[in-house]
Amino acid sequence: MIRNRILISFCVVIFIISLLPVPSTAQAVIEKGMYIVDGIKGSAEVNNRKQNTVREEAKRMAYREAVDQIFSEFMPNLRDKTGYSNLLEKVASKYSSLVKNFTINDEKIDENGILHIVGTCKISESALKSSIGQDIVKVLDNPRILLLVDEKVSGKSQGSSTTHRITRQVFEKAGYTIVTPDQAKKIIDVDTSKILGDQKKLYEVARALRADIIIIGKASAGAFAKQKVYGVMLYGVSGSVSLRAIVTQTSQEINSGTFSASTGRKPAGSVGEGASRCLSSSASKAASQILNKVAYGVASAGSRHNDVTINIKLSNVIFSDVENIERKLRELAGETGEIFERSYKDNLLEIVFTSKNTAREVASFLSSNGFNVTSMTNWAIDAVVQQEKKVIVPKTTIINVKIVDVPSFRKSGELENLINQFIRSYNGEYLAKYQDKTLELVVNFPENLDVSKIAKDFAAFLEDNKVEIEGVSPSFIAGKLIKEEEKRRGLW
């Protein structure tokens, strides 16, 4: 009796386990703009249907699993949202435009007449993101944006910003929630002019306002021409706008680039009117450029594939070292990463570094390459060039050589080649300069040699090569080239 109860209990457990969802063994990677999902599974009932029909049904099930795996790997913040299932079904239904290739690696029919396939699916990254569009914003529960804009017209800051108004309209229409500076001031003291350049303060404000994204706008406009026509002054005005979005959870930066516009052939009646027209056009384009990218940034926060953006400030950097520093950081970032030089002023180099490296890994890299890291957070690193270590240079014996009346650069080269043979025979090194018919050399010999003997041997060597010695000491040799002898040899 007891044995039967145990057997029944065991069977019930097995039955319950069989009803539980089986964790996907599929894996997704991205290569050259293509999501590649390997190990996805699909199944369909045969039921006396044509083989191709059954296989296509099984593949559609596999496509859905592939999209689910991509979201899981690359946009994990979507999966716990209430609208995720509807989004998944909507995207998976567009498989004909998303799937670029599907390879069946294994196929079999079980004893219940069910076809099972296992395959590899390739889905276009751009096509998938296009299919999501603005639906992703709704699934993410209308992400909150802290929008801050520094707008200047004719060099003066504007209280009422055209760029702020247009950018807000674009993002609100797409479903985002905008936190304006005025709204923010009710919760926390926000002085736009003070915090725009303070990354740490920006994050503090964003967290206090529960903002998912910070958008920083830079806008400027001014007149480039003016002319009076029939007593009316008309202005030619141009303006430009750039937007920089920061995903607060990961510090990922998304830049719109700079968009510019001008009044063109329709001059404005005032600089203000022209600025409003130019900045409206530029702001609309800049906002549209980053609209969906911002949503992807929020959705992908927490993905192991997600790039991390780190603001690096390096102090005491001399300009000649900038290129080498950026080259090393670019090597660290790898093919998929990028670096952007924000500014270089007063020996302070500011770089935006985007890669899959963590801040700790970047800080360790800087530390091992001559920098002393003074502070580090997940999104920012400050470091200063270490004081150069004193290098103990072996002592050497120096002899200065000066030879005058060397008529040409070609002749100085011939003479230098002869002198080089002598110097090398004593394991010496030299620096040479030719100017105003004078060849000057600074020669270093190992300290353990007899400098008096070397100087005498050196002078004798020069005399053998048509140099008239005018003075010799253990540290200096002076002479002049014998022109008459050289003329007889036909060198002039």
Protein backbone atom coordinates (compact mmCIF):
# COMPACT_ATOMS: atom_id res chain seq x y z
CA MET A 1 0.00 0.00 0.00
CA ILE A 2 2.77 2.42 1.02
CA ARG A 3 4.75 1.46 -2.05
CA ASN A 4 1.74 2.24 -4.28
CA ARG A 5 1.26 5.64 -2.64
CA ILE A 6 4.91 6.48 -3.20
CA LEU A 7 4.64 5.44 -6.83
CA ILE A 8 1.48 7.54 -7.33
CA SER A 9 3.12 10.58 -5.67
CA PHE A 10 6.19 10.20 -7.87
CA CYS A 11 4.05 10.05 -11.02
CA VAL A 12 2.13 13.18 -9.97
CA VAL A 13 5.42 15.07 -9.44
CA ILE A 14 6.69 13.98 -12.83
CA PHE A 15 3.42 15.08 -14.43
CA ILE A 16 3.59 18.53 -12.79
CA ILE A 17 7.22 18.98 -13.86
CA SER A 18 6.26 18.11 -17.42
CA LEU A 19 3.76 20.97 -17.40
CA LEU A 20 6.37 23.55 -16.39
CA PRO A 21 7.99 25.62 -19.18
CA VAL A 22 11.32 24.24 -20.30
CA PRO A 23 14.09 26.86 -20.11
CA SER A 24 15.33 27.79 -23.55
CA THR A 25 18.73 26.46 -24.49
CA ALA A 26 18.97 28.89 -27.39
CA GLN A 27 21.71 31.52 -27.44
CA ALA A 28 21.73 34.86 -29.23
CA VAL A 29 24.67 36.92 -30.44
CA ILE A 30 24.97 39.89 -32.78
CA GLU A 31 27.39 40.09 -35.69
CA LYS A 32 27.54 42.72 -38.42
CA GLY A 33 24.02 44.03 -37.85
CA MET A 34 22.49 40.57 -37.61
CA TYR A 35 21.06 38.77 -34.58
CA ILE A 36 22.08 35.11 -34.75
CA VAL A 37 20.06 32.77 -32.54
CA ASP A 38 21.30 29.19 -32.35
CA GLY A 39 19.47 26.20 -30.84
CA ILE A 40 15.91 27.50 -31.24
CA LYS A 41 13.13 24.91 -31.30
CA GLY A 42 9.77 24.64 -33.00
CA SER A 43 7.14 21.91 -33.30
CA ALA A 44 3.91 21.18 -35.16
CA GLU A 45 1.46 18.29 -35.43
CA VAL A 46 1.81 16.29 -38.64
CA ASN A 47 -1.82 15.01 -38.80
CA ASN A 48 -1.66 13.81 -42.43
CA ARG A 49 -0.67 17.27 -43.66
CA LYS A 50 1.94 18.07 -46.27
CA GLN A 51 5.50 18.01 -44.99
CA ASN A 52 6.27 21.60 -46.08
CA THR A 53 3.11 22.91 -44.40
CA VAL A 54 3.99 21.21 -41.11
CA ARG A 55 7.60 22.37 -41.30
CA GLU A 56 6.59 26.02 -41.93
CA GLU A 57 4.30 25.91 -38.90
CA ALA A 58 7.15 24.56 -36.76
CA LYS A 59 9.45 27.28 -38.10
CA ARG A 60 6.98 30.03 -37.16
CA MET A 61 7.03 28.73 -33.61
CA ALA A 62 10.83 28.80 -33.75
CA TYR A 63 10.78 32.39 -35.04
CA ARG A 64 8.77 33.45 -31.99
CA GLU A 65 11.29 31.76 -29.70
CA ALA A 66 14.13 33.50 -31.57
CA VAL A 67 12.58 36.95 -31.03
CA ASP A 68 11.91 36.12 -27.37
CA GLN A 69 15.54 35.09 -26.95
CA ILE A 70 16.77 38.30 -28.60
CA PHE A 71 14.66 40.41 -26.25
CA SER A 72 15.88 38.34 -23.30
CA GLU A 73 19.53 38.80 -24.23
CA PHE A 74 19.59 42.32 -25.62
CA MET A 75 16.53 44.11 -24.16
CA PRO A 76 15.93 42.42 -20.79
CA ASN A 77 13.99 45.38 -19.35
CA LEU A 78 11.07 44.57 -21.66
CA ARG A 79 10.35 41.05 -20.47
CA ASP A 80 8.87 41.91 -17.08
CA LYS A 81 6.48 44.52 -18.46
CA THR A 82 2.74 43.88 -18.80
CA GLY A 83 2.67 44.64 -22.52
CA TYR A 84 5.57 42.34 -23.37
CA SER A 85 3.48 39.37 -24.59
CA ASN A 86 1.53 41.53 -27.04
CA LEU A 87 4.76 43.11 -28.31
CA LEU A 88 6.35 39.67 -28.77
CA GLU A 89 3.36 38.36 -30.75
CA LYS A 90 3.23 41.51 -32.90
CA VAL A 91 6.94 41.36 -33.76
CA ALA A 92 6.99 37.59 -34.32
CA SER A 93 4.08 37.89 -36.76
CA LYS A 94 6.32 39.99 -39.02
CA TYR A 95 8.82 37.16 -39.46
CA SER A 96 8.78 37.36 -43.26
CA SER A 97 10.46 40.80 -43.15
CA LEU A 98 12.68 40.07 -40.14
CA VAL A 99 14.18 36.64 -40.81
CA LYS A 100 17.02 36.71 -43.31
CA ASN A 101 17.99 33.05 -42.98
CA PHE A 102 16.83 29.93 -41.14
CA THR A 103 18.80 26.71 -41.11
CA ILE A 104 17.31 23.49 -39.73
CA ASN A 105 20.04 21.60 -37.90
CA ASP A 106 17.89 18.71 -36.61
CA GLU A 107 14.45 17.40 -37.49
CA LYS A 108 12.42 14.40 -36.27
CA ILE A 109 8.86 13.16 -35.78
CA ASP A 110 8.08 11.62 -32.38
CA GLU A 111 5.80 8.69 -31.58
CA ASN A 112 2.85 11.08 -31.16
CA GLY A 113 3.14 12.43 -34.69
CA ILE A 114 4.71 15.76 -33.67
CA LEU A 115 7.43 17.26 -35.86
CA HIS A 116 10.30 18.77 -33.86
CA ILE A 117 12.95 21.02 -35.40
CA VAL A 118 16.08 22.67 -34.00
CA GLY A 119 17.72 25.42 -36.00
CA THR A 120 19.70 28.63 -36.36
CA CYS A 121 17.90 31.85 -37.17
CA LYS A 122 19.35 35.13 -38.48
CA ILE A 123 17.28 38.27 -37.92
CA SER A 124 18.14 41.78 -39.15
CA GLU A 125 18.87 44.13 -36.25
CA SER A 126 17.62 47.20 -38.12
CA ALA A 127 14.45 45.43 -39.30
CA LEU A 128 13.66 44.20 -35.78
CA LYS A 129 14.11 47.65 -34.24
CA SER A 130 12.05 49.22 -37.00
CA SER A 131 9.25 46.74 -36.34
CA ILE A 132 9.24 47.67 -32.66
CA GLY A 133 9.04 51.37 -33.41
CA GLN A 134 7.31 53.39 -30.74
CA ASP A 135 5.53 50.32 -29.30
CA ILE A 136 8.58 49.82 -27.12
CA VAL A 137 7.92 53.16 -25.37
CA LYS A 138 4.46 52.00 -24.24
CA VAL A 139 5.78 48.65 -23.06
CA LEU A 140 8.41 50.46 -20.99
CA ASP A 141 5.62 52.36 -19.19
CA ASN A 142 6.41 55.73 -20.78
CA PRO A 143 10.02 56.38 -19.65
CA ARG A 144 10.68 59.62 -17.77
CA ILE A 145 13.02 62.15 -19.34
CA LEU A 146 14.75 65.06 -17.60
CA LEU A 147 15.10 67.61 -20.42
CA LEU A 148 17.65 70.40 -19.99
CA VAL A 149 18.50 72.85 -22.79
CA ASP A 150 21.10 75.60 -23.04
CA GLU A 151 19.88 77.84 -25.86
CA LYS A 152 21.51 81.10 -26.91
CA VAL A 153 20.41 83.60 -29.55
CA SER A 154 22.99 86.22 -30.51
CA GLY A 155 25.03 85.02 -27.55
CA LYS A 156 22.25 85.55 -24.97
CA SER A 157 20.57 82.75 -23.02
CA GLN A 158 16.85 82.37 -23.70
CA GLY A 159 14.25 82.09 -20.96
CA SER A 160 11.74 80.56 -23.37
CA SER A 161 13.58 77.92 -25.39
CA THR A 162 12.41 76.90 -28.87
CA THR A 163 14.64 73.83 -28.73
CA HIS A 164 13.14 72.71 -25.41
CA ARG A 165 9.59 73.17 -26.72
CA ILE A 166 10.12 71.24 -29.97
CA THR A 167 12.13 68.43 -28.36
CA ARG A 168 9.47 68.04 -25.69
CA GLN A 169 6.73 67.83 -28.33
CA VAL A 170 8.55 65.10 -30.28
CA PHE A 171 9.16 62.93 -27.24
CA GLU A 172 5.76 63.44 -25.64
CA LYS A 173 4.04 62.52 -28.92
CA ALA A 174 6.00 59.25 -28.88
CA GLY A 175 4.77 58.47 -25.37
CA TYR A 176 7.62 59.62 -23.14
CA THR A 177 7.00 61.53 -19.91
CA ILE A 178 8.96 64.80 -19.78
CA VAL A 179 10.17 66.31 -16.52
CA THR A 180 10.83 70.00 -17.14
CA PRO A 181 13.20 72.14 -15.04
CA ASP A 182 10.18 73.98 -13.55
CA GLN A 183 8.58 70.69 -12.50
CA ALA A 184 11.91 69.47 -11.17
CA LYS A 185 12.35 72.53 -8.95
CA LYS A 186 9.26 71.50 -6.98
CA ILE A 187 11.11 68.35 -5.92
CA ILE A 188 14.78 69.37 -5.93
CA ASP A 189 16.77 72.54 -6.43
CA VAL A 190 17.74 72.52 -10.12
CA ASP A 191 19.85 75.30 -11.62
CA THR A 192 20.25 74.34 -15.28
CA SER A 193 23.23 76.63 -15.85
CA LYS A 194 25.15 75.02 -12.98
CA ILE A 195 24.44 71.32 -13.49
CA LEU A 196 24.81 71.00 -17.28
CA GLY A 197 28.56 70.56 -16.99
CA ASP A 198 28.47 68.58 -13.74
CA GLN A 199 27.93 64.91 -14.57
CA LYS A 200 27.75 63.85 -10.94
CA LYS A 201 25.12 66.46 -10.11
CA LEU A 202 23.12 65.50 -13.19
CA TYR A 203 22.85 61.90 -11.97
CA GLU A 204 21.85 63.01 -8.49
CA VAL A 205 19.05 65.14 -9.92
CA ALA A 206 17.94 62.38 -12.31
CA ARG A 207 17.70 59.85 -9.48
CA ALA A 208 15.77 62.25 -7.27
CA LEU A 209 13.28 62.76 -10.12
CA ARG A 210 13.20 59.05 -11.01
CA ALA A 211 14.24 59.94 -14.56
CA ASP A 212 15.20 57.08 -16.86
CA ILE A 213 16.95 59.39 -19.30
CA ILE A 214 18.67 62.77 -19.20
CA ILE A 215 18.58 64.77 -22.42
CA ILE A 216 20.95 67.73 -22.66
CA GLY A 217 20.42 70.16 -25.52
CA LYS A 218 22.85 72.72 -26.90
CA ALA A 219 21.42 75.31 -29.27
CA SER A 220 22.61 78.58 -30.75
CA ALA A 221 21.41 80.98 -33.41
CA GLY A 222 22.39 84.36 -34.75
CA ALA A 223 22.22 86.69 -37.73
CA PHE A 224 24.79 86.31 -40.48
CA ALA A 225 23.39 89.10 -42.69
CA LYS A 226 20.96 92.02 -42.57
CA GLN A 227 19.58 94.35 -45.22
CA LYS A 228 16.97 97.09 -45.37
CA VAL A 229 14.41 96.54 -48.13
CA TYR A 230 11.79 99.25 -48.75
CA GLY A 231 12.45 100.58 -45.29
CA VAL A 232 12.11 97.19 -43.60
CA MET A 233 15.14 95.52 -42.00
CA LEU A 234 15.44 91.84 -42.95
CA TYR A 235 17.79 89.32 -41.37
CA GLY A 236 19.51 86.19 -42.56
CA VAL A 237 19.69 83.85 -39.57
CA SER A 238 21.24 80.44 -38.99
CA GLY A 239 21.00 78.09 -36.04
CA SER A 240 22.16 74.68 -34.88
CA VAL A 241 21.03 72.09 -32.33
CA SER A 242 22.64 69.01 -30.83
CA LEU A 243 21.11 66.63 -28.27
CA ARG A 244 22.89 64.23 -25.94
CA ALA A 245 20.85 61.56 -24.14
CA ILE A 246 22.17 59.65 -21.14
CA VAL A 247 20.52 56.44 -19.93
CA THR A 248 20.81 56.84 -16.17
CA GLN A 249 20.92 53.13 -15.34
CA THR A 250 23.94 52.40 -17.53
CA SER A 251 25.36 55.88 -18.33
CA GLN A 252 25.11 54.98 -22.03
CA GLU A 253 25.31 58.12 -24.17
CA ILE A 254 23.33 58.65 -27.36
CA ASN A 255 24.33 61.64 -29.48
CA SER A 256 22.16 63.15 -32.19
CA GLY A 257 24.99 64.94 -33.94
CA THR A 258 24.56 68.60 -34.91
CA PHE A 259 21.67 69.72 -37.10
CA SER A 260 21.74 73.16 -38.68
CA ALA A 261 19.30 75.33 -40.61
CA SER A 262 19.10 78.87 -41.97
CA THR A 263 16.41 81.25 -43.17
CA GLY A 264 17.75 80.80 -46.70
CA ARG A 265 15.85 82.78 -49.33
CA LYS A 266 13.14 83.74 -46.84
CA PRO A 267 14.80 86.31 -44.54
CA ALA A 268 13.21 87.05 -41.18
CA GLY A 269 11.77 90.29 -39.90
CA SER A 270 13.83 89.92 -36.71
CA VAL A 271 16.66 87.80 -35.37
CA GLY A 272 14.24 86.23 -32.87
CA GLU A 273 11.83 85.18 -35.61
CA GLY A 274 14.63 83.71 -37.73
CA ALA A 275 16.12 81.91 -34.73
CA SER A 276 12.76 80.35 -33.90
CA ARG A 277 12.38 79.02 -37.46
CA CYS A 278 15.93 77.65 -37.65
CA LEU A 279 15.95 76.08 -34.20
CA SER A 280 12.49 74.54 -34.67
CA SER A 281 13.67 72.72 -37.79
CA SER A 282 17.00 71.65 -36.28
CA ALA A 283 15.50 70.53 -32.96
CA SER A 284 12.85 68.42 -34.68
CA LYS A 285 15.52 66.59 -36.71
CA ALA A 286 17.83 66.11 -33.73
CA ALA A 287 15.02 64.76 -31.53
CA SER A 288 13.82 62.38 -34.25
CA GLN A 289 17.37 61.13 -34.70
CA ILE A 290 17.57 59.80 -31.12
CA LEU A 291 13.86 59.12 -30.44
CA ASN A 292 13.86 55.33 -30.79
CA LYS A 293 17.53 54.93 -29.83
CA VAL A 294 16.70 56.28 -26.38
CA ALA A 295 14.01 53.63 -25.92
CA TYR A 296 16.41 50.87 -26.99
CA GLY A 297 18.91 52.23 -24.48
CA VAL A 298 16.38 51.93 -21.63
CA ALA A 299 15.21 48.50 -22.81
CA SER A 300 18.75 47.14 -23.07
CA ALA A 301 19.88 48.36 -19.63
CA GLY A 302 21.15 45.33 -17.76
CA SER A 303 22.01 43.35 -20.89
CA ARG A 304 25.35 41.59 -20.75
CA HIS A 305 25.77 42.66 -24.38
CA ASN A 306 25.16 46.31 -23.60
CA ASP A 307 27.93 48.85 -24.09
CA VAL A 308 28.96 50.96 -21.13
CA THR A 309 29.73 54.67 -21.56
CA ILE A 310 32.35 56.16 -19.24
CA ASN A 311 33.37 59.81 -19.07
CA ILE A 312 37.13 59.95 -18.61
CA LYS A 313 39.00 63.06 -17.42
CA LEU A 314 42.79 62.90 -17.67
CA SER A 315 44.82 65.71 -16.09
CA ASN A 316 48.39 66.91 -16.77
CA VAL A 317 48.31 65.54 -20.31
CA ILE A 318 50.64 67.26 -22.77
CA PHE A 319 49.24 67.73 -26.26
CA SER A 320 51.86 65.53 -27.95
CA ASP A 321 50.61 62.55 -25.88
CA VAL A 322 46.92 62.94 -26.77
CA GLU A 323 47.06 60.88 -29.96
CA ASN A 324 48.91 58.02 -28.28
CA ILE A 325 46.48 57.96 -25.32
CA GLU A 326 43.47 57.87 -27.62
CA ARG A 327 45.07 55.12 -29.71
CA LYS A 328 45.55 52.93 -26.63
CA LEU A 329 42.00 53.53 -25.44
CA ARG A 330 40.68 52.75 -28.91
CA GLU A 331 42.54 49.42 -28.81
CA LEU A 332 40.94 48.68 -25.42
CA ALA A 333 37.46 49.55 -26.75
CA GLY A 334 37.85 47.03 -29.56
CA GLU A 335 36.04 46.91 -32.88
CA THR A 336 32.57 47.37 -31.38
CA GLY A 337 33.52 50.20 -29.01
CA GLU A 338 34.29 53.82 -29.73
CA ILE A 339 35.91 56.86 -28.16
CA PHE A 340 34.96 60.49 -28.60
CA GLU A 341 37.26 63.35 -27.66
CA ARG A 342 35.01 65.88 -25.93
CA SER A 343 37.65 68.52 -25.26
CA TYR A 344 41.30 69.31 -24.54
CA LYS A 345 42.05 72.47 -22.57
CA ASP A 346 44.65 73.44 -19.97
CA ASN A 347 46.23 69.98 -20.18
CA LEU A 348 42.87 68.36 -19.30
CA LEU A 349 41.77 65.71 -21.80
CA GLU A 350 38.10 64.68 -21.64
CA ILE A 351 37.04 61.52 -23.46
CA VAL A 352 33.73 59.68 -23.79
CA PHE A 353 34.64 55.98 -23.82
CA THR A 354 32.03 53.43 -24.93
CA SER A 355 32.72 49.68 -24.83
CA LYS A 356 31.84 46.50 -22.99
CA ASN A 357 34.59 47.18 -20.45
CA THR A 358 33.53 48.07 -16.93
CA ALA A 359 34.75 51.24 -15.25
CA ARG A 360 37.00 49.14 -13.00
CA GLU A 361 38.60 47.49 -16.05
CA VAL A 362 39.20 50.88 -17.70
CA ALA A 363 40.61 52.32 -14.47
CA SER A 364 42.97 49.35 -14.16
CA PHE A 365 44.07 49.88 -17.76
CA LEU A 366 44.80 53.56 -17.11
CA SER A 367 46.69 52.71 -13.91
CA SER A 368 48.95 50.31 -15.77
CA ASN A 369 49.60 52.91 -18.49
CA GLY A 370 51.06 55.75 -16.46
CA PHE A 371 47.98 57.29 -14.80
CA ASN A 372 47.09 57.67 -11.16
CA VAL A 373 43.32 57.10 -10.84
CA THR A 374 41.94 59.63 -8.34
CA SER A 375 38.23 58.78 -8.48
CA MET A 376 35.95 56.22 -10.13
CA THR A 377 32.21 55.57 -10.43
CA ASN A 378 30.30 53.33 -12.85
CA TRP A 379 30.11 56.18 -15.33
CA ALA A 380 33.13 58.41 -14.67
CA ILE A 381 36.88 58.14 -14.08
CA ASP A 382 39.28 60.91 -13.09
CA ALA A 383 43.00 60.30 -13.44
CA VAL A 384 46.22 62.26 -13.51
CA VAL A 385 49.47 61.54 -15.33
CA GLN A 386 51.95 60.04 -12.89
CA GLN A 387 55.17 61.94 -12.29
CA GLU A 388 57.82 60.47 -14.52
CA LYS A 389 60.05 58.04 -12.71
CA LYS A 390 63.71 59.02 -12.58
CA VAL A 391 65.66 56.85 -14.94
CA ILE A 392 69.26 56.16 -13.97
CA VAL A 393 71.27 56.72 -17.11
CA PRO A 394 74.73 55.18 -17.25
CA LYS A 395 77.43 57.85 -17.10
CA THR A 396 79.18 58.55 -20.36
CA THR A 397 82.18 60.45 -21.71
CA ILE A 398 81.18 63.31 -24.02
CA ILE A 399 83.32 64.86 -26.73
CA ASN A 400 82.07 67.83 -28.70
CA VAL A 401 83.31 68.05 -32.27
CA LYS A 402 83.12 71.13 -34.49
CA ILE A 403 84.29 71.13 -38.13
CA VAL A 404 83.97 74.32 -40.21
CA ASP A 405 84.24 75.05 -43.94
CA VAL A 406 82.07 72.05 -44.89
CA PRO A 407 80.67 73.43 -48.17
CA SER A 408 77.46 71.41 -48.64
CA PHE A 409 74.93 69.19 -46.95
CA ARG A 410 76.04 66.34 -49.24
CA LYS A 411 79.63 66.75 -48.15
CA SER A 412 78.64 66.88 -44.48
CA GLY A 413 76.82 63.57 -44.98
CA GLU A 414 79.92 61.95 -46.48
CA LEU A 415 82.06 63.21 -43.62
CA GLU A 416 79.50 62.10 -41.03
CA ASN A 417 79.47 58.57 -42.45
CA LEU A 418 83.26 58.35 -42.05
CA ILE A 419 83.11 59.68 -38.47
CA ASN A 420 80.34 57.19 -37.64
CA GLN A 421 82.73 54.31 -38.44
CA PHE A 422 85.22 55.60 -35.88
CA ILE A 423 82.57 56.19 -33.18
CA ARG A 424 81.08 52.71 -33.62
CA SER A 425 84.50 51.12 -33.20
CA TYR A 426 84.44 52.44 -29.60
CA ASN A 427 80.74 51.54 -29.03
CA GLY A 428 79.85 55.22 -29.02
CA GLU A 429 76.77 57.17 -30.12
CA TYR A 430 76.35 60.68 -31.50
CA LEU A 431 74.00 63.47 -32.49
CA ALA A 432 74.87 65.65 -35.50
CA LYS A 433 73.81 69.06 -36.81
CA TYR A 434 74.84 70.80 -40.04
CA GLN A 435 74.27 74.56 -40.37
CA ASP A 436 76.10 77.50 -41.96
CA LYS A 437 78.79 75.24 -43.44
CA THR A 438 79.55 73.86 -39.98
CA LEU A 439 79.19 70.23 -38.87
CA GLU A 440 78.74 69.83 -35.11
CA LEU A 441 78.64 66.54 -33.26
CA VAL A 442 78.01 65.53 -29.65
CA VAL A 443 79.60 62.13 -29.15
CA ASN A 444 79.00 59.80 -26.19
CA PHE A 445 81.51 57.09 -25.31
CA PRO A 446 81.30 54.57 -22.46
CA GLU A 447 82.75 56.05 -19.25
CA ASN A 448 85.23 53.25 -18.69
CA LEU A 449 87.32 54.31 -21.70
CA ASP A 450 90.42 56.54 -21.60
CA VAL A 451 88.97 59.82 -22.85
CA SER A 452 92.39 61.45 -23.51
CA LYS A 453 93.42 58.56 -25.74
CA ILE A 454 90.05 58.57 -27.54
CA ALA A 455 90.31 62.33 -28.22
CA LYS A 456 93.83 61.92 -29.69
CA ASP A 457 92.76 58.92 -31.80
CA PHE A 458 89.68 60.82 -32.94
CA ALA A 459 91.77 63.86 -33.98
CA ALA A 460 94.19 61.62 -35.87
CA PHE A 461 91.31 59.91 -37.64
CA LEU A 462 89.93 63.31 -38.74
CA GLU A 463 93.37 64.41 -40.01
CA ASP A 464 93.55 61.22 -42.09
CA ASN A 465 90.24 62.30 -43.64
CA LYS A 466 91.35 65.79 -44.70
CA VAL A 467 90.31 67.73 -41.58
CA GLU A 468 92.85 70.23 -40.31
CA ILE A 469 92.82 70.03 -36.51
CA GLU A 470 92.82 73.46 -34.85
CA GLY A 471 92.41 72.31 -31.26
CA VAL A 472 92.00 69.14 -29.24
CA SER A 473 91.23 68.39 -25.59
CA PRO A 474 89.61 65.46 -23.74
CA SER A 475 86.18 67.08 -24.25
CA PHE A 476 86.47 69.12 -27.44
CA ILE A 477 87.90 68.81 -30.96
CA ALA A 478 87.89 71.69 -33.45
CA GLY A 479 88.94 71.59 -37.08
CA LYS A 480 88.24 72.68 -40.62
CA LEU A 481 87.92 70.83 -43.86
CA ILE A 482 90.92 71.27 -46.17
CA LYS A 483 89.39 72.72 -49.32
CA GLU A 484 92.49 72.73 -51.52
CA GLU A 485 93.05 69.04 -51.07
CA GLU A 486 89.39 68.36 -51.74
CA LYS A 487 89.50 70.43 -54.91
CA ARG A 488 92.36 68.35 -56.20
CA ARG A 489 90.22 65.25 -55.56
CA GLY A 490 87.53 66.79 -57.73
CA LEU A 491 84.77 66.88 -55.12
CA TRP A 492 83.81 70.53 -55.87
